[in-house]
Protein backbone atom coordinates (compact mmCIF):
# COMPACT_ATOMS: atom_id res chain seq x y z
CA MET A 1 -52.72 -41.23 -158.46
CA PRO A 2 -55.09 -43.28 -156.16
CA ASP A 3 -58.59 -43.20 -155.70
CA PHE A 4 -60.36 -41.95 -153.30
CA THR A 5 -64.14 -42.72 -151.79
CA HIS A 6 -66.36 -40.59 -149.12
CA LEU A 7 -66.98 -42.53 -145.88
CA HIS A 8 -69.16 -40.23 -144.02
CA VAL A 9 -72.43 -39.03 -146.01
CA HIS A 10 -75.89 -37.68 -144.89
CA THR A 11 -78.36 -37.64 -147.06
CA GLN A 12 -82.06 -35.97 -146.74
CA TYR A 13 -83.02 -39.35 -144.57
CA SER A 14 -80.64 -37.50 -142.14
CA LEU A 15 -84.28 -36.15 -141.16
CA LEU A 16 -83.88 -32.40 -140.74
CA ASP A 17 -80.05 -32.34 -140.83
CA GLY A 18 -78.95 -33.87 -144.16
CA ALA A 19 -79.78 -31.96 -146.82
CA ALA A 20 -78.46 -34.26 -149.85
CA GLN A 21 -80.81 -36.10 -152.48
CA ILE A 22 -79.26 -39.36 -153.36
CA SER A 23 -79.90 -38.87 -156.40
CA SER A 24 -77.63 -36.10 -156.22
CA LEU A 25 -74.90 -37.28 -154.00
CA VAL A 26 -74.33 -40.60 -156.35
CA LYS A 27 -74.53 -38.77 -159.50
CA GLN A 28 -71.90 -36.40 -158.03
CA ALA A 29 -69.65 -39.08 -156.65
CA LYS A 30 -69.91 -40.77 -160.14
CA LYS A 31 -68.94 -37.28 -161.92
CA SER A 32 -66.11 -37.21 -159.54
CA GLY A 33 -64.66 -40.60 -160.95
CA MET A 34 -64.97 -42.07 -157.10
CA PRO A 35 -65.51 -46.08 -157.23
CA ALA A 36 -67.83 -46.20 -154.27
CA LEU A 37 -69.97 -44.01 -151.87
CA ALA A 38 -71.12 -44.74 -148.72
CA ILE A 39 -74.38 -43.47 -146.92
CA THR A 40 -74.40 -43.39 -142.80
CA ASP A 41 -77.44 -41.59 -142.29
CA HIS A 42 -77.81 -40.79 -138.37
CA GLY A 43 -79.71 -43.48 -136.59
CA ASN A 44 -81.53 -44.76 -139.42
CA MET A 45 -81.46 -46.89 -142.19
CA PHE A 46 -84.42 -45.41 -144.15
CA GLY A 47 -82.38 -44.11 -147.40
CA VAL A 48 -80.34 -47.68 -148.02
CA PRO A 49 -83.03 -49.38 -150.66
CA LYS A 50 -82.97 -45.90 -152.86
CA PHE A 51 -79.45 -45.33 -152.37
CA VAL A 52 -78.30 -48.95 -153.83
CA ALA A 53 -80.34 -49.03 -156.37
CA GLU A 54 -78.83 -45.45 -157.57
CA ALA A 55 -75.32 -46.55 -157.03
CA LYS A 56 -76.05 -49.29 -158.95
CA LYS A 57 -77.30 -47.34 -161.63
CA GLU A 58 -74.25 -45.47 -161.62
CA GLY A 59 -72.12 -48.18 -161.73
CA ILE A 60 -70.05 -47.79 -158.34
CA LEU A 61 -70.09 -49.46 -155.35
CA PRO A 62 -72.64 -48.91 -152.15
CA ILE A 63 -71.52 -48.65 -149.03
CA ILE A 64 -74.25 -49.14 -146.52
CA GLY A 65 -73.65 -47.56 -143.13
CA CYS A 66 -75.33 -45.58 -140.67
CA GLU A 67 -74.18 -43.28 -137.88
CA PHE A 68 -75.37 -44.52 -134.69
CA TYR A 69 -76.05 -42.86 -131.62
CA LEU A 70 -74.50 -44.43 -128.94
CA ALA A 71 -75.61 -44.61 -124.97
CA GLU A 72 -73.89 -45.92 -122.13
CA ASP A 73 -77.11 -48.01 -121.51
CA ARG A 74 -79.78 -47.95 -123.98
CA HIS A 75 -82.41 -49.53 -121.74
CA ASP A 76 -81.94 -45.57 -119.52
CA ARG A 77 -84.37 -43.29 -119.97
CA THR A 78 -82.67 -40.95 -117.51
CA ASP A 79 -78.93 -39.70 -119.27
CA LYS A 80 -79.76 -37.63 -122.14
CA THR A 81 -76.00 -38.42 -123.02
CA ARG A 82 -75.41 -39.82 -126.11
CA TYR A 83 -72.42 -39.93 -129.03
CA HIS A 84 -71.98 -40.72 -132.54
CA GLN A 85 -70.92 -44.27 -133.63
CA LEU A 86 -70.28 -44.87 -137.50
CA ILE A 87 -70.35 -48.18 -138.59
CA LEU A 88 -70.01 -49.41 -142.29
CA ALA A 89 -71.46 -53.40 -143.25
CA LYS A 90 -68.61 -55.32 -145.35
CA ASN A 91 -70.88 -58.01 -146.55
CA LYS A 92 -74.55 -59.51 -146.34
CA ILE A 93 -73.88 -61.12 -142.54
CA GLY A 94 -72.48 -57.40 -142.11
CA TYR A 95 -75.77 -55.56 -143.57
CA LYS A 96 -77.80 -57.98 -141.36
CA ASN A 97 -76.20 -56.84 -138.55
CA LEU A 98 -76.28 -52.93 -139.05
CA ALA A 99 -80.32 -53.46 -139.64
CA LYS A 100 -80.26 -55.38 -136.30
CA LEU A 101 -78.51 -52.40 -134.56
CA SER A 102 -81.40 -50.34 -136.01
CA SER A 103 -84.19 -52.33 -135.22
CA ILE A 104 -82.62 -52.56 -131.43
CA GLY A 105 -82.01 -48.61 -131.34
CA PHE A 106 -85.59 -48.09 -132.21
CA ILE A 107 -87.03 -50.66 -130.40
CA GLU A 108 -84.74 -51.20 -127.30
CA GLY A 109 -83.22 -47.46 -127.15
CA MET A 110 -85.40 -44.96 -128.10
CA TYR A 111 -85.25 -42.03 -125.76
CA TYR A 112 -84.96 -38.75 -127.85
CA LYS A 113 -83.17 -40.46 -130.91
CA PRO A 114 -82.98 -44.26 -131.79
CA ARG A 115 -79.95 -45.59 -129.50
CA ILE A 116 -77.79 -48.56 -129.35
CA ASP A 117 -74.63 -49.05 -126.83
CA LYS A 118 -71.89 -51.55 -126.84
CA GLU A 119 -73.14 -54.24 -125.45
CA ILE A 120 -75.51 -55.04 -128.29
CA ILE A 121 -72.87 -53.75 -130.80
CA ARG A 122 -70.43 -56.47 -129.61
CA LYS A 123 -73.13 -59.32 -129.74
CA HIS A 124 -73.60 -57.98 -133.36
CA SER A 125 -69.97 -56.84 -134.81
CA GLU A 126 -69.19 -60.04 -137.47
CA GLY A 127 -69.24 -58.28 -141.01
CA LEU A 128 -68.70 -55.10 -139.79
CA VAL A 129 -66.29 -51.75 -139.82
CA ALA A 130 -66.36 -48.65 -137.20
CA THR A 131 -64.35 -45.69 -137.33
CA THR A 132 -63.62 -43.46 -134.18
CA CYS A 133 -66.00 -41.31 -135.89
CA CYS A 134 -66.72 -37.52 -136.24
CA LEU A 135 -66.12 -35.15 -132.74
CA ALA A 136 -69.50 -36.52 -131.68
CA SER A 137 -67.97 -39.31 -130.72
CA GLU A 138 -67.20 -41.17 -127.85
CA VAL A 139 -63.28 -41.10 -128.20
CA ASN A 140 -63.11 -38.05 -129.68
CA ARG A 141 -65.34 -36.20 -126.71
CA THR A 142 -63.55 -38.31 -124.54
CA ILE A 143 -60.06 -36.64 -125.40
CA ILE A 144 -61.27 -32.99 -125.51
CA LYS A 145 -63.55 -33.24 -122.28
CA LYS A 146 -61.64 -35.85 -120.37
CA GLY A 147 -57.93 -36.04 -122.14
CA GLU A 148 -55.66 -37.90 -124.05
CA ALA A 149 -55.25 -40.90 -121.32
CA GLU A 150 -58.89 -41.46 -120.86
CA GLY A 151 -59.17 -41.03 -124.65
CA GLU A 152 -56.56 -43.81 -125.15
CA ARG A 153 -58.71 -46.35 -122.91
CA VAL A 154 -61.73 -45.66 -124.92
CA PHE A 155 -60.15 -45.74 -127.89
CA LEU A 156 -58.44 -49.64 -127.15
CA GLU A 157 -61.91 -50.77 -126.34
CA TRP A 158 -63.38 -50.21 -129.31
CA TYR A 159 -60.25 -51.80 -130.91
CA SER A 160 -60.60 -54.72 -128.88
CA ILE A 161 -63.87 -54.86 -130.61
CA PHE A 162 -62.98 -54.46 -134.46
CA GLY A 163 -59.84 -55.47 -134.22
CA ASP A 164 -58.28 -55.16 -138.21
CA ASP A 165 -61.87 -53.42 -138.63
CA TYR A 166 -61.56 -50.42 -137.06
CA TYR A 167 -59.83 -47.46 -138.68
CA ILE A 168 -58.69 -43.99 -137.20
CA GLU A 169 -61.03 -41.26 -139.18
CA LEU A 170 -59.66 -38.00 -139.60
CA GLN A 171 -61.98 -34.84 -140.43
CA ARG A 172 -60.79 -31.37 -141.39
CA HIS A 173 -63.10 -28.73 -141.56
CA GLY A 174 -61.21 -25.95 -139.90
CA ILE A 175 -62.34 -26.70 -136.50
CA PRO A 176 -59.71 -26.48 -133.76
CA GLU A 177 -60.70 -29.29 -131.48
CA GLN A 178 -60.47 -31.55 -134.69
CA ASP A 179 -56.84 -30.78 -135.21
CA THR A 180 -56.63 -31.44 -131.45
CA CYS A 181 -58.19 -34.74 -131.90
CA ASN A 182 -56.33 -35.27 -135.31
CA ALA A 183 -52.43 -35.00 -133.39
CA ILE A 184 -53.67 -37.54 -130.70
CA LEU A 185 -55.14 -40.13 -132.91
CA LEU A 186 -52.32 -40.15 -135.29
CA LYS A 187 -50.22 -40.40 -132.39
CA TRP A 188 -52.17 -43.96 -131.86
CA ALA A 189 -52.10 -45.07 -135.82
CA LYS A 190 -48.57 -45.54 -135.00
CA LYS A 191 -48.71 -46.87 -131.62
CA TYR A 192 -50.93 -49.36 -132.41
CA ASN A 193 -50.57 -49.85 -136.32
CA VAL A 194 -54.03 -49.03 -137.03
CA LYS A 195 -54.86 -47.42 -140.28
CA VAL A 196 -56.18 -44.06 -140.63
CA VAL A 197 -59.11 -42.86 -143.37
CA ALA A 198 -59.92 -39.26 -144.47
CA THR A 199 -63.50 -38.61 -144.45
CA ASN A 200 -65.48 -35.13 -144.78
CA ASP A 201 -68.74 -35.22 -142.63
CA VAL A 202 -70.88 -34.91 -145.76
CA HIS A 203 -74.31 -32.92 -145.21
CA TYR A 204 -75.16 -31.46 -148.63
CA VAL A 205 -73.64 -31.89 -152.42
CA GLU A 206 -72.61 -28.68 -152.90
CA GLN A 207 -70.79 -26.22 -151.25
CA LYS A 208 -73.40 -23.20 -151.67
CA ASP A 209 -76.06 -25.48 -150.37
CA SER A 210 -74.76 -25.15 -146.48
CA GLU A 211 -77.50 -22.56 -146.24
CA ALA A 212 -80.32 -24.93 -147.42
CA GLN A 213 -78.94 -26.99 -144.58
CA ASP A 214 -78.60 -24.31 -142.03
CA ILE A 215 -82.61 -23.78 -142.51
CA LEU A 216 -83.40 -27.37 -142.29
CA LEU A 217 -81.05 -27.14 -138.71
CA CYS A 218 -83.64 -24.33 -137.47
CA LEU A 219 -86.55 -26.32 -138.17
CA GLN A 220 -84.81 -29.41 -136.33
CA THR A 221 -84.53 -27.36 -133.29
CA GLY A 222 -87.37 -24.67 -133.75
CA ARG A 223 -85.13 -21.36 -133.51
CA ASP A 224 -84.94 -18.58 -135.76
CA PHE A 225 -82.70 -18.31 -138.35
CA ASP A 226 -81.30 -14.93 -137.14
CA ASP A 227 -80.80 -16.26 -133.41
CA PRO A 228 -76.93 -16.16 -132.89
CA THR A 229 -77.03 -18.85 -129.78
CA ARG A 230 -79.00 -21.32 -132.19
CA MET A 231 -76.91 -24.35 -132.86
CA ARG A 232 -75.47 -24.16 -136.52
CA PHE A 233 -72.25 -25.90 -138.10
CA GLU A 234 -69.09 -23.84 -138.03
CA ASN A 235 -69.13 -23.29 -141.58
CA ASP A 236 -69.99 -24.61 -145.23
CA GLN A 237 -67.10 -27.13 -145.82
CA PHE A 238 -69.48 -30.06 -144.91
CA TYR A 239 -70.34 -31.19 -148.50
CA LEU A 240 -69.10 -33.85 -151.04
CA LYS A 241 -65.46 -32.83 -151.64
CA SER A 242 -63.61 -33.93 -154.94
CA LYS A 243 -60.84 -36.10 -154.66
CA GLU A 244 -58.33 -33.03 -155.50
CA GLU A 245 -59.71 -30.91 -152.48
CA MET A 246 -59.39 -34.09 -150.16
CA GLU A 247 -56.37 -34.85 -151.52
CA LYS A 248 -55.28 -31.20 -151.05
CA ILE A 249 -56.36 -31.11 -147.68
CA PHE A 250 -54.67 -34.30 -146.28
CA ALA A 251 -51.60 -33.61 -148.40
CA ASP A 252 -49.76 -34.46 -144.86
CA VAL A 253 -50.96 -37.59 -144.61
CA PRO A 254 -51.77 -39.35 -148.17
CA GLU A 255 -52.24 -42.88 -147.18
CA SER A 256 -55.53 -41.48 -145.22
CA ILE A 257 -56.92 -41.10 -148.83
CA ASP A 258 -54.94 -44.05 -150.15
CA ASN A 259 -57.14 -46.37 -146.92
CA THR A 260 -60.00 -45.23 -148.25
CA ASN A 261 -59.55 -47.96 -151.11
CA GLU A 262 -58.35 -50.51 -148.56
CA LEU A 263 -61.24 -50.07 -146.95
CA ILE A 264 -63.84 -50.40 -149.74
CA SER A 265 -61.64 -53.70 -151.13
CA LYS A 266 -63.26 -55.27 -147.90
CA ILE A 267 -66.95 -54.33 -149.31
CA GLU A 268 -69.00 -57.05 -151.03
CA MET A 269 -71.57 -55.53 -153.47
CA PRO A 270 -75.02 -55.47 -151.58
CA ASP A 271 -77.74 -57.41 -152.74
CA LEU A 272 -81.11 -56.33 -150.91
CA LYS A 273 -83.56 -58.48 -152.48
CA ARG A 274 -84.42 -61.57 -150.68
CA ASP A 275 -87.67 -63.85 -151.41
CA ILE A 276 -91.07 -62.40 -149.48
CA LEU A 277 -91.64 -64.21 -145.88
CA LEU A 278 -95.11 -64.57 -145.32
CA PRO A 279 -96.30 -65.74 -141.71
CA VAL A 280 -97.59 -68.91 -141.23
CA PHE A 281 -101.46 -69.55 -141.19
CA SER A 282 -102.69 -71.83 -138.50
CA LEU A 283 -105.27 -74.07 -140.22
CA PRO A 284 -108.49 -75.10 -138.26
CA HIS A 285 -109.33 -78.46 -136.96
CA GLY A 286 -110.00 -81.02 -139.74
CA PHE A 287 -107.94 -79.31 -142.61
CA LYS A 288 -104.66 -80.96 -144.17
CA SER A 289 -103.93 -78.06 -146.65
CA GLU A 290 -104.27 -74.21 -147.35
CA ASP A 291 -105.62 -75.08 -150.43
CA ASP A 292 -108.63 -77.22 -148.93
CA TYR A 293 -108.97 -74.65 -146.33
CA LEU A 294 -109.41 -71.66 -149.01
CA ARG A 295 -111.79 -73.49 -151.01
CA HIS A 296 -114.08 -74.37 -147.55
CA ILE A 297 -114.22 -70.75 -146.66
CA THR A 298 -114.90 -69.67 -150.72
CA ILE A 299 -117.81 -72.21 -150.99
CA GLU A 300 -119.09 -70.69 -148.02
CA GLY A 301 -118.84 -67.38 -148.61
CA ALA A 302 -120.21 -68.11 -152.15
CA ARG A 303 -123.54 -69.15 -150.56
CA LYS A 304 -123.92 -66.21 -148.68
CA ARG A 305 -123.00 -64.18 -151.21
CA TYR A 306 -125.08 -65.55 -154.40
CA GLY A 307 -127.22 -68.23 -152.57
CA GLU A 308 -127.64 -70.77 -155.05
CA LEU A 309 -124.96 -71.76 -156.70
CA ASN A 310 -125.08 -71.79 -160.94
CA SER A 311 -122.66 -73.60 -162.80
CA GLU A 312 -120.95 -69.91 -163.82
CA VAL A 313 -120.08 -69.42 -160.25
CA VAL A 314 -118.80 -73.07 -159.84
CA GLU A 315 -116.76 -72.89 -162.82
CA ARG A 316 -115.22 -69.52 -162.04
CA LEU A 317 -114.65 -70.51 -158.42
CA ASN A 318 -113.23 -73.42 -159.56
CA PHE A 319 -110.76 -71.96 -162.15
CA GLU A 320 -109.68 -69.18 -159.73
CA LEU A 321 -109.12 -71.45 -156.82
CA LYS A 322 -106.63 -73.91 -159.54
CA VAL A 323 -104.65 -71.02 -160.22
CA VAL A 324 -104.57 -69.48 -156.81
CA SER A 325 -103.53 -73.36 -155.66
CA ASP A 326 -100.77 -73.86 -159.09
CA MET A 327 -98.75 -70.53 -158.25
CA GLY A 328 -98.86 -71.55 -154.40
CA PHE A 329 -100.86 -68.22 -152.94
CA ALA A 330 -103.48 -70.00 -151.04
CA GLY A 331 -101.95 -69.01 -148.18
CA TYR A 332 -101.43 -65.59 -149.06
CA PHE A 333 -105.36 -65.19 -149.83
CA LEU A 334 -106.05 -66.42 -146.13
CA ILE A 335 -103.62 -64.54 -144.36
CA VAL A 336 -105.33 -61.74 -146.11
CA GLN A 337 -108.75 -62.35 -145.93
CA ASP A 338 -108.02 -62.90 -141.87
CA PHE A 339 -106.84 -59.56 -141.03
CA ILE A 340 -109.67 -58.29 -143.67
CA GLN A 341 -112.09 -59.65 -141.46
CA ALA A 342 -110.36 -59.06 -138.21
CA ALA A 343 -110.14 -55.51 -139.27
CA ARG A 344 -114.03 -55.44 -139.41
CA VAL A 345 -114.77 -56.98 -136.66
CA MET A 346 -112.60 -54.15 -134.44
CA GLY A 347 -114.43 -51.14 -136.41
CA VAL A 348 -111.81 -50.40 -138.75
CA SER A 349 -112.84 -48.73 -141.77
CA VAL A 350 -111.98 -51.31 -144.91
CA GLY A 351 -112.85 -50.31 -148.98
CA PRO A 352 -114.62 -52.15 -151.28
CA GLY A 353 -111.43 -53.10 -152.98
CA ARG A 354 -109.49 -51.38 -155.62
CA GLY A 355 -107.34 -52.20 -158.85
CA SER A 356 -107.49 -55.44 -160.30
CA ALA A 357 -108.11 -57.28 -157.05
CA ALA A 358 -111.87 -56.42 -157.64
CA GLY A 359 -111.84 -59.49 -160.29
CA SER A 360 -111.39 -61.87 -157.93
CA ALA A 361 -114.26 -64.00 -157.11
CA VAL A 362 -112.27 -65.80 -154.58
CA ALA A 363 -111.48 -62.09 -152.73
CA TYR A 364 -115.01 -61.73 -152.91
CA CYS A 365 -116.42 -64.86 -151.54
CA THR A 366 -113.78 -64.70 -148.83
CA GLY A 367 -114.66 -61.18 -147.80
CA ILE A 368 -111.18 -59.23 -148.87
CA THR A 369 -113.66 -57.20 -151.53
CA ASN A 370 -117.27 -56.55 -151.34
CA ILE A 371 -117.81 -56.16 -155.31
CA ASP A 372 -118.75 -59.05 -157.18
CA PRO A 373 -116.91 -59.49 -160.44
CA ILE A 374 -119.16 -61.99 -162.15
CA ARG A 375 -121.81 -59.06 -162.12
CA TYR A 376 -119.53 -56.26 -163.35
CA ASN A 377 -117.70 -59.17 -165.88
CA LEU A 378 -114.43 -58.16 -164.25
CA LEU A 379 -111.72 -60.66 -165.11
CA PHE A 380 -109.55 -62.04 -163.19
CA GLU A 381 -106.79 -62.60 -165.36
CA ARG A 382 -105.75 -58.95 -164.66
CA PHE A 383 -105.09 -59.57 -161.07
CA LEU A 384 -103.31 -63.21 -161.10
CA ASN A 385 -102.50 -65.33 -163.84
CA PRO A 386 -99.69 -67.76 -164.44
CA GLU A 387 -97.42 -65.41 -166.68
CA ARG A 388 -97.52 -62.88 -163.31
CA VAL A 389 -94.10 -63.30 -161.74
CA SER A 390 -94.68 -60.88 -158.67
CA MET A 391 -97.05 -61.33 -155.65
CA PRO A 392 -101.22 -59.80 -156.03
């Protein structure tokens, strides 16, 4: 009996639409014996870090994806038409491209929703998998509104972008229009030798959660729960169905279950960790290194804070500056003092300092904090020491 993986899944990060907590979704997938699970929230990737962490904790493969909002032209602020488009990342390159598309949607395409278009998808398609998606997709809506011939033209356009990484997605939620589209999509699967995958448009974990998700829709649309004309899902079938339930629903197309395994065989385990990338601090003329400049502004600041520098202050500052230099954090201190000083110039409220940072005399002398650690006998080592592996 083949495994099955859900590839079309919305979490609570599909805001006021998804009613599935990430931890609950992952635990349910694990309980059902699924080898992997996808996250495909509407228009954003906010839940990805938490999702990947939870999936790895449960020992299943996290598949990073997004159900994007698609416009004809992402720059057009007059056309409200938008489709849904499911895209998954296969590898590190795919993840970077997925993140790039998501960012572009917010930066360039925001019009009610963050939107992208096919032009930008073509530029960032490497490492990605796409499907014909749900009834709200361009392919399916074209079939319904303009007919099979025009739908086929759109289908081939998407197929030309993704090739073997383009899949026909079949959904069966008891909606007549889905049956109409599925029949046509299955014809194209044979005609063009495109693999089909079965999905359920998951918006909540268990069937009994459908009413809670319905209430979220009311909040999203600003309509009363008992309003007969409001937006609502057709039924209570949008939950994380078991492998057995999906096999029963797609008994006549068994390959659509098995092909989810073929698809996930392309997916590499994602690694979201990366080195911290700090801005480069521009040094004033006459200074050769960040260490030199940090020492300069520290001593200048110390004279303003303490007046005449006694041996205790000098010894403390020399000690701290050596630790900062040895750990390579001089630039980090310069960046932080720079935006703190800028905030004060602009009239932005800045606190006196919090936590272990108040134990740094360098932070005090450079204006990052306003608490004298020498006066209050605060330990620098609580803030920064050679044993610390993370940034302060």
